[in-house]
N, C-alpha and C. Protein backbone atom coordinates (compact mmCIF):
# COMPACT_ATOMS: atom_id res chain seq x y z
N MET A 1 129.78 15.39 52.01
CA MET A 1 130.89 15.02 52.77
C MET A 1 130.77 13.85 53.88
N ILE A 2 129.61 13.96 54.11
CA ILE A 2 129.11 13.53 55.52
C ILE A 2 128.89 11.64 55.19
N ALA A 3 127.64 12.27 53.98
CA ALA A 3 127.50 10.54 53.53
C ALA A 3 128.26 10.10 53.11
N ALA A 4 129.58 10.63 52.20
CA ALA A 4 130.73 10.02 51.00
C ALA A 4 131.45 9.05 52.42
N ALA A 5 131.57 10.14 53.95
CA ALA A 5 132.46 9.43 54.76
C ALA A 5 132.03 8.28 55.50
N GLY A 6 130.41 8.04 55.63
CA GLY A 6 129.68 7.44 56.20
C GLY A 6 129.67 7.34 57.82
N MET A 7 129.74 8.76 58.07
CA MET A 7 129.51 9.41 59.48
C MET A 7 127.79 9.60 59.71
N THR A 8 127.61 9.59 60.81
CA THR A 8 126.29 10.06 61.40
C THR A 8 126.49 11.47 61.47
N ALA A 9 125.06 12.25 62.15
CA ALA A 9 125.14 13.42 61.99
C ALA A 9 126.11 13.86 63.30
N GLU A 10 125.99 13.00 64.50
CA GLU A 10 126.80 13.16 65.83
C GLU A 10 128.10 13.04 65.46
N GLN A 11 128.74 12.06 64.59
CA GLN A 11 129.91 12.15 64.43
C GLN A 11 130.63 12.92 63.39
N ALA A 12 129.87 13.89 62.42
CA ALA A 12 130.15 15.17 62.07
C ALA A 12 130.63 16.15 62.98
N GLU A 13 129.49 16.20 63.29
CA GLU A 13 129.48 17.46 64.99
C GLU A 13 131.16 17.45 65.68
N SER A 14 131.19 16.03 65.77
CA SER A 14 132.26 15.66 66.60
C SER A 14 133.45 16.02 65.71
N TYR A 15 133.25 15.71 64.33
CA TYR A 15 134.69 16.19 63.59
C TYR A 15 135.27 17.40 63.69
N PHE A 16 133.91 18.21 63.20
CA PHE A 16 133.89 19.73 63.40
C PHE A 16 134.28 20.25 64.17
N ALA A 17 133.93 20.03 65.26
CA ALA A 17 134.56 20.29 66.86
C ALA A 17 135.89 20.04 67.03
N ALA A 18 136.61 18.87 66.26
CA ALA A 18 137.73 18.89 66.20
C ALA A 18 138.80 19.79 65.51
N MET A 19 137.82 20.37 64.84
CA MET A 19 138.60 21.47 63.72
C MET A 19 138.29 22.76 64.22
N GLY A 20 137.99 22.90 65.40
CA GLY A 20 137.81 24.12 65.90
C GLY A 20 136.16 25.01 65.48
N TYR A 21 135.07 24.26 65.13
CA TYR A 21 133.91 24.47 64.94
C TYR A 21 132.68 23.91 65.75
N ASP A 22 131.97 24.95 65.87
CA ASP A 22 130.43 24.16 67.06
C ASP A 22 129.74 24.22 65.35
N ALA A 23 128.96 22.92 64.86
CA ALA A 23 128.10 22.87 64.26
C ALA A 23 126.96 22.12 64.42
N GLU A 24 125.65 22.32 64.04
CA GLU A 24 124.86 21.42 64.21
C GLU A 24 124.23 21.01 62.54
N VAL A 25 124.31 19.89 62.70
CA VAL A 25 124.34 18.87 61.21
C VAL A 25 122.67 18.30 61.13
N GLU A 26 122.03 18.16 60.75
CA GLU A 26 121.05 17.60 60.41
C GLU A 26 120.57 16.64 59.29
N GLU A 27 119.75 15.46 59.92
CA GLU A 27 119.93 14.09 59.08
C GLU A 27 118.44 13.95 58.61
N LYS A 28 118.17 13.67 57.23
CA LYS A 28 117.02 13.63 56.71
C LYS A 28 117.10 12.41 56.05
N PRO A 29 116.22 11.45 56.15
CA PRO A 29 116.12 10.15 55.65
C PRO A 29 115.21 10.46 53.60
N VAL A 30 116.08 10.39 52.74
CA VAL A 30 115.55 10.36 51.51
C VAL A 30 115.00 8.97 50.70
N THR A 31 113.81 9.02 50.06
CA THR A 31 113.76 7.94 49.50
C THR A 31 113.63 8.25 48.00
N THR A 32 114.12 7.39 46.96
CA THR A 32 113.89 7.55 45.43
C THR A 32 113.54 6.42 44.69
N THR A 33 112.45 6.46 44.12
CA THR A 33 111.74 5.29 43.67
C THR A 33 111.73 5.54 41.91
N THR A 34 112.80 4.78 41.30
CA THR A 34 112.50 4.51 40.19
C THR A 34 111.69 3.41 39.23
N THR A 35 111.44 3.65 38.26
CA THR A 35 110.26 2.75 37.31
C THR A 35 111.11 2.49 36.09
N ARG A 36 111.31 1.48 35.28
CA ARG A 36 111.84 1.44 34.45
C ARG A 36 111.11 -0.04 33.60
N THR A 37 111.00 0.38 32.44
CA THR A 37 110.58 -0.74 31.53
C THR A 37 111.42 -1.69 30.71
N VAL A 38 111.77 -3.18 30.86
CA VAL A 38 112.89 -4.13 30.62
C VAL A 38 112.20 -5.11 29.65
N GLU A 39 112.84 -5.22 28.49
CA GLU A 39 112.43 -6.33 27.31
C GLU A 39 113.34 -7.37 27.68
N TYR A 40 112.73 -8.83 27.04
CA TYR A 40 113.04 -9.98 27.49
C TYR A 40 112.91 -10.64 26.24
N PRO A 41 113.75 -11.71 25.46
CA PRO A 41 113.34 -12.59 24.77
C PRO A 41 112.21 -13.52 25.23
N VAL A 42 111.34 -13.92 24.19
CA VAL A 42 110.57 -15.58 24.84
C VAL A 42 111.08 -16.46 24.68
N ILE A 43 111.34 -17.45 24.99
CA ILE A 43 112.02 -18.42 24.91
C ILE A 43 111.21 -19.73 24.88
N ASP A 44 111.25 -20.58 23.79
CA ASP A 44 110.62 -21.47 23.34
C ASP A 44 110.75 -22.85 24.29
N GLU A 45 109.99 -23.07 25.09
CA GLU A 45 110.13 -24.35 26.03
C GLU A 45 110.65 -25.66 25.48
N ARG A 46 110.77 -26.00 24.69
CA ARG A 46 110.69 -27.19 23.56
C ARG A 46 112.23 -27.10 23.31
N THR A 47 112.50 -25.85 22.55
CA THR A 47 113.53 -25.90 22.14
C THR A 47 114.86 -25.32 23.04
N GLY A 48 114.31 -24.56 23.90
CA GLY A 48 115.57 -23.48 24.71
C GLY A 48 115.55 -22.15 24.19
N TYR A 49 115.38 -21.95 22.89
CA TYR A 49 115.95 -21.30 22.10
C TYR A 49 115.02 -19.94 21.89
N PRO A 50 115.57 -18.77 21.82
CA PRO A 50 114.67 -17.52 21.45
C PRO A 50 113.72 -17.74 20.59
N THR A 51 112.34 -17.25 20.55
CA THR A 51 111.40 -17.23 19.54
C THR A 51 111.34 -16.32 18.45
N GLY A 52 112.25 -15.32 18.86
CA GLY A 52 112.13 -14.06 18.10
C GLY A 52 110.85 -13.03 18.74
N GLU A 53 110.02 -13.34 19.65
CA GLU A 53 109.26 -12.61 20.08
C GLU A 53 109.76 -11.76 21.52
N LYS A 54 109.19 -10.96 22.00
CA LYS A 54 109.64 -9.80 22.93
C LYS A 54 108.24 -9.39 23.92
N LYS A 55 109.12 -9.76 24.91
CA LYS A 55 107.96 -9.23 26.35
C LYS A 55 108.50 -8.17 26.79
N SER A 56 107.70 -7.63 27.87
CA SER A 56 108.00 -6.98 28.60
C SER A 56 107.58 -6.57 30.01
N MET A 57 108.05 -6.19 30.96
CA MET A 57 107.59 -5.76 32.08
C MET A 57 108.00 -4.29 32.94
N GLU A 58 107.51 -3.92 33.98
CA GLU A 58 108.17 -3.00 34.70
C GLU A 58 108.58 -2.69 35.61
N LEU A 59 109.76 -2.66 36.08
CA LEU A 59 110.57 -2.89 37.25
C LEU A 59 110.52 -1.70 38.36
N THR A 60 110.48 -1.83 39.47
CA THR A 60 110.33 -0.53 40.42
C THR A 60 111.27 -1.10 41.23
N GLU A 61 112.01 0.12 41.78
CA GLU A 61 113.39 -0.39 42.63
C GLU A 61 113.17 0.96 43.60
N THR A 62 112.92 1.05 44.92
CA THR A 62 112.72 2.17 45.81
C THR A 62 113.90 1.98 46.49
N THR A 63 114.93 2.93 46.79
CA THR A 63 116.26 3.22 47.73
C THR A 63 116.11 4.15 48.78
N GLY A 64 116.67 3.74 50.04
CA GLY A 64 116.47 4.55 50.58
C GLY A 64 118.04 5.07 51.16
N THR A 65 118.15 6.53 51.52
CA THR A 65 119.41 7.08 52.11
C THR A 65 118.92 7.94 52.75
N THR A 66 120.20 8.52 53.59
CA THR A 66 120.36 9.97 54.59
C THR A 66 120.82 10.77 53.85
N ALA A 67 120.43 11.88 53.74
CA ALA A 67 120.74 13.03 53.42
C ALA A 67 121.21 13.73 54.50
N TYR A 68 122.53 14.83 54.41
CA TYR A 68 122.57 15.76 55.57
C TYR A 68 122.96 17.03 55.48
N ALA A 69 122.92 18.17 56.37
CA ALA A 69 122.29 19.69 55.77
C ALA A 69 123.05 20.05 57.20
N ILE A 70 124.21 21.05 56.94
CA ILE A 70 124.50 21.83 57.81
C ILE A 70 124.22 22.95 58.25
N LYS A 71 123.30 22.91 59.59
CA LYS A 71 122.26 24.20 60.05
C LYS A 71 122.91 25.28 60.04
N THR A 72 123.75 24.77 61.08
CA THR A 72 125.05 26.39 61.57
C THR A 72 126.47 25.39 61.55
N ILE A 73 127.45 26.44 61.40
CA ILE A 73 128.40 26.33 61.42
C ILE A 73 129.40 27.55 61.86
N THR A 74 129.83 27.86 63.25
CA THR A 74 130.62 28.78 64.18
C THR A 74 132.14 28.27 64.44
N PRO A 75 132.76 29.35 64.28
CA PRO A 75 134.30 28.85 65.00
C PRO A 75 133.84 29.07 66.27
N ASN A 76 134.65 28.18 67.07
CA ASN A 76 134.51 28.17 68.44
C ASN A 76 135.57 28.52 69.41
N GLY A 77 136.59 28.87 68.54
CA GLY A 77 137.79 29.53 69.11
C GLY A 77 139.19 28.89 69.35
N SER A 78 139.01 27.18 69.46
CA SER A 78 139.99 26.31 69.80
C SER A 78 140.75 25.93 68.54
N TYR A 79 141.85 25.47 68.39
CA TYR A 79 142.84 25.55 67.53
C TYR A 79 142.58 26.86 66.41
N GLY A 80 142.73 27.97 67.00
CA GLY A 80 142.78 29.27 66.26
C GLY A 80 141.77 29.56 65.32
N GLY A 81 140.59 28.63 65.42
CA GLY A 81 139.41 29.02 64.31
C GLY A 81 138.54 30.16 64.89
N ASP A 82 138.71 30.83 66.34
CA ASP A 82 138.18 32.45 66.78
C ASP A 82 137.98 33.39 65.72
N VAL A 83 137.83 33.90 64.42
CA VAL A 83 138.15 34.49 64.04
C VAL A 83 137.26 36.40 64.26
N ASN A 84 136.46 36.23 65.15
CA ASN A 84 135.68 36.94 65.69
C ASN A 84 136.11 38.10 66.43
N VAL A 85 137.32 37.63 67.07
CA VAL A 85 137.78 38.20 68.47
C VAL A 85 138.46 39.45 67.67
N GLU A 86 138.09 40.41 68.62
CA GLU A 86 138.96 41.66 68.04
C GLU A 86 139.98 42.18 69.56
N THR A 87 141.31 42.29 69.12
CA THR A 87 142.13 42.85 70.20
C THR A 87 142.70 43.94 70.02
N THR A 88 142.54 44.91 71.13
CA THR A 88 142.98 45.99 70.90
C THR A 88 144.23 46.16 72.11
N ALA A 89 145.18 47.40 71.75
CA ALA A 89 146.69 47.64 72.76
C ALA A 89 145.89 48.04 73.62
N PRO A 90 146.50 48.47 74.87
CA PRO A 90 146.30 48.93 75.93
C PRO A 90 146.25 50.78 75.92
N GLU A 91 145.35 51.71 75.74
CA GLU A 91 145.70 53.24 75.55
C GLU A 91 147.01 53.46 76.29
N THR A 92 147.81 54.37 75.81
CA THR A 92 148.91 54.94 76.65
C THR A 92 149.16 56.20 76.62
N SER A 93 148.77 56.91 77.83
CA SER A 93 148.76 58.66 77.86
C SER A 93 149.99 58.93 77.82
N ARG A 94 150.05 60.51 77.27
CA ARG A 94 151.54 61.08 77.31
C ARG A 94 152.22 60.87 78.58
N GLU A 95 151.34 61.00 79.82
CA GLU A 95 152.15 60.87 81.07
C GLU A 95 152.99 59.90 81.31
N THR A 96 152.50 58.52 80.99
CA THR A 96 153.01 57.36 81.12
C THR A 96 154.24 57.57 80.61
N LEU A 97 154.34 57.89 79.22
CA LEU A 97 155.72 57.84 78.14
C LEU A 97 156.54 58.95 78.88
N ASP A 98 156.08 59.75 79.48
CA ASP A 98 157.08 61.03 80.17
C ASP A 98 157.73 60.49 80.82
N GLU A 99 156.87 59.53 81.94
CA GLU A 99 157.62 59.40 83.50
C GLU A 99 158.56 57.67 82.89
N GLY A 100 158.87 57.54 81.75
CA GLY A 100 160.06 56.54 81.32
C GLY A 100 159.53 55.13 81.39
N GLY A 101 158.18 54.65 81.76
CA GLY A 101 157.79 53.47 81.05
C GLY A 101 158.42 52.36 81.51
N GLY A 102 158.79 51.46 80.47
CA GLY A 102 159.55 50.37 80.42
C GLY A 102 159.40 49.35 81.15
N GLY A 103 160.12 48.15 81.43
CA GLY A 103 159.99 47.02 82.21
C GLY A 103 160.06 47.39 83.58
N SER A 104 159.50 46.24 84.16
CA SER A 104 159.09 45.86 85.69
C SER A 104 160.08 46.34 86.46
N GLY A 105 161.21 45.86 86.19
CA GLY A 105 162.11 45.52 87.32
C GLY A 105 162.48 44.01 87.77
N ASN A 106 161.56 43.47 87.64
CA ASN A 106 161.43 42.30 88.06
C ASN A 106 162.03 40.99 87.43
N GLU A 107 162.57 40.03 88.18
CA GLU A 107 163.38 38.88 87.37
C GLU A 107 162.30 38.10 86.92
N PRO A 108 162.53 37.82 85.41
CA PRO A 108 161.97 36.83 84.82
C PRO A 108 161.38 35.57 85.80
N GLU A 109 160.33 34.96 85.27
CA GLU A 109 160.11 33.64 86.36
C GLU A 109 160.79 32.63 85.31
N LYS A 110 160.97 31.66 86.58
CA LYS A 110 161.62 30.66 85.98
C LYS A 110 160.78 29.50 85.50
N VAL A 111 161.05 29.12 84.32
CA VAL A 111 160.00 28.17 83.56
C VAL A 111 160.41 26.51 84.06
N ASP A 112 159.52 26.01 84.59
CA ASP A 112 159.98 24.72 84.97
C ASP A 112 160.68 23.57 83.72
N GLU A 113 161.55 23.02 84.03
CA GLU A 113 162.01 22.06 82.89
C GLU A 113 161.32 21.45 82.70
N ILE A 114 161.25 20.70 81.65
CA ILE A 114 160.42 19.53 80.80
C ILE A 114 161.55 18.75 80.43
N ASP A 115 161.30 17.73 80.87
CA ASP A 115 162.20 16.14 80.53
C ASP A 115 162.05 15.76 79.03
N LYS A 116 162.75 16.56 77.97
CA LYS A 116 162.98 16.36 76.58
C LYS A 116 162.75 14.95 76.26
N ASP A 117 163.74 13.64 76.91
CA ASP A 117 163.50 12.69 76.83
C ASP A 117 162.14 11.91 76.55
N ASP A 118 161.49 12.72 77.75
CA ASP A 118 159.74 11.77 78.15
C ASP A 118 159.16 12.54 76.75
N VAL A 119 159.44 13.64 76.56
CA VAL A 119 158.36 14.28 75.50
C VAL A 119 158.72 13.66 73.92
N VAL A 120 159.82 13.54 73.88
CA VAL A 120 160.49 12.52 72.79
C VAL A 120 159.51 11.29 72.57
N GLU A 121 159.83 10.67 73.72
CA GLU A 121 159.32 9.15 74.18
C GLU A 121 157.76 9.22 73.61
N ARG A 122 157.16 10.16 74.37
CA ARG A 122 155.39 10.09 74.13
C ARG A 122 155.32 10.28 72.95
N TYR A 123 155.66 11.30 72.13
CA TYR A 123 155.51 12.02 70.64
C TYR A 123 155.86 10.26 69.84
N LYS A 124 156.92 9.99 70.06
CA LYS A 124 156.95 8.77 69.13
C LYS A 124 156.05 7.58 69.45
N GLU A 125 155.39 7.43 70.73
CA GLU A 125 154.63 6.21 71.31
C GLU A 125 153.14 6.77 70.42
N THR A 126 152.89 7.84 70.25
CA THR A 126 151.77 8.56 69.81
C THR A 126 151.79 8.25 68.42
N GLU A 127 152.68 8.98 67.54
CA GLU A 127 152.97 8.41 66.19
C GLU A 127 153.03 7.00 65.93
N ASP A 128 153.48 5.75 66.26
CA ASP A 128 153.53 4.66 66.38
C ASP A 128 151.80 4.42 66.08
N ALA A 129 151.56 4.58 67.70
CA ALA A 129 149.41 4.49 67.94
C ALA A 129 149.03 5.33 66.20
N LEU A 130 149.22 6.14 66.28
CA LEU A 130 148.61 6.87 64.93
C LEU A 130 148.79 6.06 63.62
N ASP A 131 150.25 5.84 63.53
CA ASP A 131 150.10 5.01 62.13
C ASP A 131 149.39 3.62 62.04
N ASP A 132 149.47 3.00 63.10
CA ASP A 132 148.53 1.67 63.42
C ASP A 132 147.04 1.99 63.18
N VAL A 133 146.49 2.87 63.71
CA VAL A 133 145.37 3.35 63.48
C VAL A 133 144.81 3.71 62.12
N ARG A 134 145.66 4.55 61.45
CA ARG A 134 145.69 4.87 59.94
C ARG A 134 145.66 3.49 59.22
N ASP A 135 146.58 2.59 59.27
CA ASP A 135 146.41 1.44 58.93
C ASP A 135 145.29 0.87 58.97
N ALA A 136 144.68 0.41 60.23
CA ALA A 136 143.73 -0.07 60.07
C ALA A 136 142.41 0.57 59.85
N TYR A 137 142.55 1.75 59.66
CA TYR A 137 141.26 2.70 58.97
C TYR A 137 141.61 2.33 57.28
N ASP A 138 142.74 2.50 56.78
CA ASP A 138 142.78 1.90 55.29
C ASP A 138 142.47 0.56 54.93
N ASP A 139 142.90 -0.55 55.73
CA ASP A 139 141.86 -1.54 56.00
C ASP A 139 140.39 -1.83 56.14
N ALA A 140 140.09 -1.06 56.87
CA ALA A 140 138.43 -1.15 56.83
C ALA A 140 137.52 -0.38 55.78
N SER A 141 138.47 0.42 55.45
CA SER A 141 137.93 1.40 54.25
C SER A 141 137.87 0.74 52.85
N LYS A 142 138.93 -0.23 52.63
CA LYS A 142 138.93 -1.23 51.49
C LYS A 142 137.88 -2.02 51.68
N ALA A 143 137.81 -2.50 52.85
CA ALA A 143 136.80 -4.04 52.91
C ALA A 143 135.71 -3.03 52.37
N ALA A 144 135.16 -1.86 52.97
CA ALA A 144 134.34 -1.33 52.88
C ALA A 144 133.75 -1.34 51.43
N ASP A 145 134.77 -1.08 50.48
CA ASP A 145 134.87 -0.60 49.20
C ASP A 145 134.27 -2.06 48.16
N ARG A 146 134.86 -3.00 48.69
CA ARG A 146 134.19 -4.27 48.13
C ARG A 146 133.23 -4.73 48.86
N LEU A 147 132.54 -4.34 49.97
CA LEU A 147 131.21 -5.26 50.79
C LEU A 147 129.98 -4.46 50.01
N TYR A 148 128.73 -5.42 50.27
CA TYR A 148 127.75 -4.59 50.04
C TYR A 148 126.63 -4.94 50.94
N GLY A 149 125.77 -4.16 51.27
CA GLY A 149 124.29 -4.32 52.25
C GLY A 149 125.22 -4.12 53.98
N ALA A 150 124.76 -5.09 54.85
CA ALA A 150 125.27 -4.85 55.94
C ALA A 150 126.53 -5.33 56.48
N GLY A 151 127.36 -6.24 55.36
CA GLY A 151 128.87 -6.09 55.30
C GLY A 151 129.57 -4.97 55.36
N ARG A 152 128.83 -3.80 54.28
CA ARG A 152 129.40 -2.90 54.03
C ARG A 152 129.60 -1.82 55.50
N ILE A 153 128.17 -1.74 55.89
CA ILE A 153 127.93 -0.82 56.70
C ILE A 153 128.65 -1.18 57.96
N ALA A 154 128.85 -2.43 58.15
CA ALA A 154 129.67 -3.13 59.51
C ALA A 154 130.95 -2.54 59.41
N ALA A 155 131.92 -2.73 58.22
CA ALA A 155 133.01 -2.38 57.82
C ALA A 155 132.93 -0.26 57.86
N MET A 156 132.15 0.15 57.44
CA MET A 156 132.36 1.14 57.37
C MET A 156 132.11 1.96 59.04
N ALA A 157 131.19 1.20 59.70
CA ALA A 157 131.25 1.46 61.22
C ALA A 157 132.83 1.38 61.72
N LYS A 158 133.49 0.39 61.25
CA LYS A 158 134.93 0.00 61.93
C LYS A 158 135.51 1.17 61.26
N ALA A 159 135.23 1.48 60.27
CA ALA A 159 136.43 2.57 59.56
C ALA A 159 136.46 4.08 60.25
N ASN A 160 134.96 4.09 60.86
CA ASN A 160 134.14 5.40 61.50
C ASN A 160 135.34 5.43 63.22
N ALA A 161 135.24 3.97 63.67
CA ALA A 161 135.95 3.94 65.05
C ALA A 161 137.21 4.01 65.07
N GLN A 162 137.92 4.09 63.55
CA GLN A 162 139.13 4.23 63.88
C GLN A 162 139.53 5.59 63.59
N LEU A 163 138.65 6.28 62.67
CA LEU A 163 138.77 7.68 62.61
C LEU A 163 138.55 8.61 64.20
N LEU A 164 137.90 7.86 64.85
CA LEU A 164 137.30 8.73 66.28
C LEU A 164 138.83 8.21 67.03
N LYS A 165 139.08 7.11 67.03
CA LYS A 165 140.62 6.69 67.63
C LYS A 165 141.82 7.95 67.12
N GLU A 166 141.51 8.10 65.90
CA GLU A 166 142.25 9.20 65.64
C GLU A 166 142.57 10.25 66.34
N ILE A 167 141.23 10.83 66.13
CA ILE A 167 141.03 12.27 66.75
C ILE A 167 141.82 12.13 68.14
N GLY A 168 141.27 10.92 68.93
CA GLY A 168 141.68 10.89 70.35
C GLY A 168 143.38 11.43 70.25
N LEU A 169 144.17 10.62 69.44
CA LEU A 169 145.52 10.45 69.47
C LEU A 169 145.95 11.92 68.89
N LEU A 170 145.43 12.62 68.19
CA LEU A 170 145.63 14.04 67.70
C LEU A 170 145.58 14.72 68.76
N LYS A 171 144.37 14.60 69.95
CA LYS A 171 144.43 15.26 70.81
C LYS A 171 145.33 15.27 71.62
N GLU A 172 145.75 13.92 71.71
CA GLU A 172 147.08 13.51 72.80
C GLU A 172 148.08 14.14 72.75
N LYS A 173 148.13 13.95 71.31
CA LYS A 173 149.67 14.35 70.83
C LYS A 173 149.80 16.12 70.50
N LYS A 174 148.90 16.99 70.63
CA LYS A 174 148.77 17.85 70.81
C LYS A 174 149.13 18.65 72.32
N LYS A 175 149.03 17.87 73.27
CA LYS A 175 149.17 18.28 75.03
C LYS A 175 150.59 18.35 75.18
């Protein structure tokens, strides 16, 4: 998942943190060496046509990549992720019940009025910004799919930057 998204271990940890998990991600370089034998026809130098003979050669290809392993992952409590919290109701004695219990008799606290137009406007601006970031991410992702080598890495980095912007905007939207 991490390698397919083109993330680094640090970006993956940040992504998990945004979802409410503390994660420790480990990067490990992995190299693969493949050797194969390839046959090819012998070409007559005078005529330029194959002679019917075949030659072979061994090709060795070494590729390197990074593998990722999630060493630990635990819910951190934000975004409703803390599943280990126990909640208990306060104990009630028989005396408290006999005394009548009930409300405190105080007036409820008045909540500050929120300017709804301001909230709606901020929400719309954030949604528009999110749409722009998502479009930019889609463009960068499509460009990365068409490229190879350094160009692909640059396009993937651009896509990752858009994902980080989206995370920031989503956090802003939650406020």
